N, C-alpha and C. Protein backbone atom coordinates (compact mmCIF):
# COMPACT_ATOMS: atom_id res chain seq x y z
N MET A 1 176.40 63.65 111.56
CA MET A 1 176.15 64.71 110.61
C MET A 1 174.64 64.95 110.55
N LYS A 2 174.27 66.21 110.48
CA LYS A 2 172.86 66.56 110.32
C LYS A 2 172.61 67.05 108.91
N ARG A 3 171.38 66.85 108.47
CA ARG A 3 170.97 67.38 107.17
C ARG A 3 169.50 67.75 107.26
N ILE A 4 169.11 68.68 106.42
CA ILE A 4 167.70 69.03 106.33
C ILE A 4 167.16 68.42 105.04
N GLU A 5 166.02 67.78 105.15
CA GLU A 5 165.37 67.16 103.99
C GLU A 5 164.08 67.91 103.70
N LEU A 6 163.96 68.36 102.47
CA LEU A 6 162.79 69.10 102.01
C LEU A 6 162.00 68.22 101.06
N PHE A 7 160.73 68.03 101.33
CA PHE A 7 159.89 67.18 100.51
C PHE A 7 158.87 68.04 99.75
N PHE A 8 158.82 67.82 98.44
CA PHE A 8 157.91 68.54 97.57
C PHE A 8 157.06 67.55 96.79
N GLU A 9 155.99 68.06 96.20
CA GLU A 9 155.20 67.29 95.25
C GLU A 9 155.50 67.86 93.87
N ASN A 10 155.70 66.95 92.89
CA ASN A 10 155.93 67.44 91.53
C ASN A 10 154.63 67.40 90.73
N ALA A 11 154.69 67.83 89.48
CA ALA A 11 153.49 67.94 88.63
C ALA A 11 152.79 66.60 88.44
N ASP A 12 153.53 65.50 88.53
CA ASP A 12 152.93 64.16 88.39
C ASP A 12 152.33 63.65 89.70
N GLY A 13 152.43 64.45 90.77
CA GLY A 13 151.88 64.04 92.06
C GLY A 13 152.82 63.18 92.89
N ARG A 14 154.05 63.04 92.44
CA ARG A 14 155.02 62.23 93.18
C ARG A 14 155.80 63.08 94.16
N THR A 15 156.30 62.45 95.21
CA THR A 15 157.10 63.13 96.22
C THR A 15 158.56 63.18 95.78
N VAL A 16 159.15 64.36 95.94
CA VAL A 16 160.55 64.58 95.58
C VAL A 16 161.26 65.11 96.83
N LYS A 17 162.45 64.56 97.11
CA LYS A 17 163.22 65.00 98.28
C LYS A 17 164.50 65.68 97.84
N HIS A 18 164.79 66.85 98.45
CA HIS A 18 166.07 67.53 98.28
C HIS A 18 166.68 67.64 99.66
N SER A 19 167.97 67.31 99.77
CA SER A 19 168.66 67.33 101.05
C SER A 19 169.82 68.31 101.02
N LEU A 20 170.04 68.96 102.16
CA LEU A 20 171.17 69.87 102.33
C LEU A 20 171.88 69.50 103.62
N ASP A 21 173.20 69.35 103.55
CA ASP A 21 173.99 68.99 104.73
C ASP A 21 174.23 70.20 105.61
N ASN A 22 174.40 69.93 106.89
CA ASN A 22 174.79 70.92 107.90
C ASN A 22 173.91 72.17 107.91
N PRO A 23 172.63 72.02 108.20
CA PRO A 23 171.75 73.20 108.23
C PRO A 23 172.13 74.13 109.38
N ILE A 24 171.81 75.40 109.22
CA ILE A 24 172.02 76.37 110.29
C ILE A 24 171.07 76.02 111.42
N GLU A 25 171.62 75.98 112.63
CA GLU A 25 170.78 75.62 113.78
C GLU A 25 170.72 76.78 114.76
N PRO A 26 169.64 76.95 115.47
CA PRO A 26 168.43 76.14 115.35
C PRO A 26 167.74 76.43 114.01
N VAL A 27 167.08 75.42 113.48
CA VAL A 27 166.39 75.57 112.21
C VAL A 27 165.18 76.47 112.40
N ASP A 28 165.07 77.46 111.54
CA ASP A 28 163.97 78.43 111.59
C ASP A 28 162.86 77.96 110.65
N ALA A 29 161.75 77.49 111.20
CA ALA A 29 160.66 76.94 110.39
C ALA A 29 160.13 77.95 109.38
N GLU A 30 160.04 79.20 109.78
CA GLU A 30 159.55 80.23 108.86
C GLU A 30 160.51 80.41 107.67
N ALA A 31 161.80 80.40 107.94
CA ALA A 31 162.79 80.52 106.87
C ALA A 31 162.74 79.32 105.93
N VAL A 32 162.54 78.13 106.49
CA VAL A 32 162.43 76.92 105.66
C VAL A 32 161.21 77.02 104.75
N ASN A 33 160.07 77.42 105.31
CA ASN A 33 158.85 77.57 104.51
C ASN A 33 159.04 78.60 103.40
N THR A 34 159.66 79.72 103.73
CA THR A 34 159.91 80.77 102.73
C THR A 34 160.82 80.25 101.63
N ALA A 35 161.88 79.55 102.01
CA ALA A 35 162.82 79.00 101.02
C ALA A 35 162.12 77.99 100.11
N MET A 36 161.28 77.14 100.69
CA MET A 36 160.57 76.15 99.88
C MET A 36 159.60 76.83 98.92
N ASP A 37 158.91 77.88 99.39
CA ASP A 37 158.02 78.65 98.51
C ASP A 37 158.80 79.26 97.35
N GLU A 38 159.99 79.77 97.65
CA GLU A 38 160.82 80.41 96.63
C GLU A 38 161.33 79.38 95.62
N ILE A 39 161.69 78.21 96.09
CA ILE A 39 162.13 77.13 95.18
C ILE A 39 161.03 76.80 94.19
N ILE A 40 159.80 76.70 94.69
CA ILE A 40 158.65 76.40 93.82
C ILE A 40 158.39 77.56 92.87
N ALA A 41 158.38 78.78 93.38
CA ALA A 41 158.06 79.96 92.56
C ALA A 41 159.06 80.16 91.42
N GLN A 42 160.33 79.85 91.69
CA GLN A 42 161.36 80.06 90.67
C GLN A 42 161.60 78.83 89.79
N ASN A 43 160.81 77.78 89.97
CA ASN A 43 161.03 76.54 89.22
C ASN A 43 162.50 76.13 89.28
N ALA A 44 163.04 76.17 90.49
CA ALA A 44 164.47 75.95 90.68
C ALA A 44 164.91 74.53 90.31
N PHE A 45 164.02 73.56 90.46
CA PHE A 45 164.35 72.18 90.14
C PHE A 45 163.25 71.58 89.26
N GLU A 46 163.68 70.82 88.27
CA GLU A 46 162.71 70.07 87.47
C GLU A 46 163.03 68.59 87.64
N THR A 47 162.01 67.81 87.80
CA THR A 47 162.19 66.38 87.99
C THR A 47 161.67 65.64 86.75
N SER A 48 161.84 64.35 86.73
CA SER A 48 161.31 63.57 85.61
C SER A 48 159.79 63.65 85.56
N GLY A 49 159.18 64.03 86.69
CA GLY A 49 157.73 64.18 86.76
C GLY A 49 157.28 65.63 86.65
N GLY A 50 158.17 66.49 86.17
CA GLY A 50 157.82 67.89 85.99
C GLY A 50 158.31 68.77 87.14
N HIS A 51 157.93 70.04 87.08
CA HIS A 51 158.34 71.00 88.10
C HIS A 51 157.72 70.69 89.46
N LEU A 52 158.34 71.24 90.49
CA LEU A 52 157.79 71.13 91.84
C LEU A 52 156.59 72.05 91.94
N VAL A 53 155.50 71.56 92.52
CA VAL A 53 154.26 72.34 92.56
C VAL A 53 153.74 72.61 93.97
N ALA A 54 154.22 71.86 94.97
CA ALA A 54 153.71 72.06 96.34
C ALA A 54 154.72 71.56 97.36
N LYS A 55 154.66 72.18 98.56
CA LYS A 55 155.46 71.71 99.69
C LYS A 55 154.72 70.55 100.35
N LYS A 56 155.47 69.56 100.80
CA LYS A 56 154.86 68.45 101.55
C LYS A 56 155.31 68.46 103.00
N SER A 57 156.62 68.50 103.22
CA SER A 57 157.14 68.49 104.59
C SER A 57 158.63 68.81 104.57
N ALA A 58 159.16 68.97 105.77
CA ALA A 58 160.61 69.18 105.94
C ALA A 58 161.00 68.57 107.28
N ARG A 59 162.24 68.12 107.37
CA ARG A 59 162.70 67.54 108.62
C ARG A 59 164.22 67.65 108.70
N VAL A 60 164.72 67.62 109.93
CA VAL A 60 166.15 67.56 110.17
C VAL A 60 166.46 66.12 110.56
N VAL A 61 167.48 65.55 109.92
CA VAL A 61 167.87 64.18 110.18
C VAL A 61 169.32 64.20 110.68
N GLU A 62 169.55 63.46 111.76
CA GLU A 62 170.91 63.35 112.28
C GLU A 62 171.38 61.92 112.10
N GLN A 63 172.55 61.78 111.51
CA GLN A 63 173.13 60.46 111.29
C GLN A 63 174.38 60.35 112.15
N ILE A 64 174.43 59.33 112.95
CA ILE A 64 175.60 59.09 113.80
C ILE A 64 176.33 57.88 113.23
N ILE A 65 177.59 58.09 112.94
CA ILE A 65 178.42 57.01 112.39
C ILE A 65 179.50 56.66 113.40
N GLU A 66 179.58 55.38 113.73
CA GLU A 66 180.59 54.91 114.67
C GLU A 66 181.35 53.77 114.01
N ASP A 67 182.64 53.99 113.80
CA ASP A 67 183.47 52.94 113.19
C ASP A 67 183.67 51.80 114.17
N ILE A 68 183.73 50.60 113.63
CA ILE A 68 183.97 49.40 114.42
C ILE A 68 185.33 48.86 114.00
N GLU A 69 186.17 48.62 114.99
CA GLU A 69 187.49 48.09 114.70
C GLU A 69 187.35 46.65 114.20
N ILE A 70 187.99 46.36 113.10
CA ILE A 70 187.97 45.01 112.50
C ILE A 70 189.34 44.39 112.69
N PHE A 71 189.34 43.15 113.22
CA PHE A 71 190.57 42.42 113.46
C PHE A 71 190.76 41.38 112.36
N ASN A 72 191.94 41.34 111.80
CA ASN A 72 192.27 40.31 110.81
C ASN A 72 192.94 39.14 111.53
N ASP A 73 192.52 37.93 111.17
CA ASP A 73 193.10 36.72 111.80
C ASP A 73 194.48 36.45 111.28
């Protein structure tokens, strides 16, 4: 499963991460930047450290899960 992780700075200077599963691919960096700017401008999220005030980074993370068969004695 892939997810996009958006990292922001809040009013207290702490890093806040928001994740979204199954991003549209290929990921459009310009669209991500615009969306992050809009999230900040609209005060879409408030954290315990206050509103989001700046973009820090964004990344796509892929998690591969493989089940292992377990044998009972």
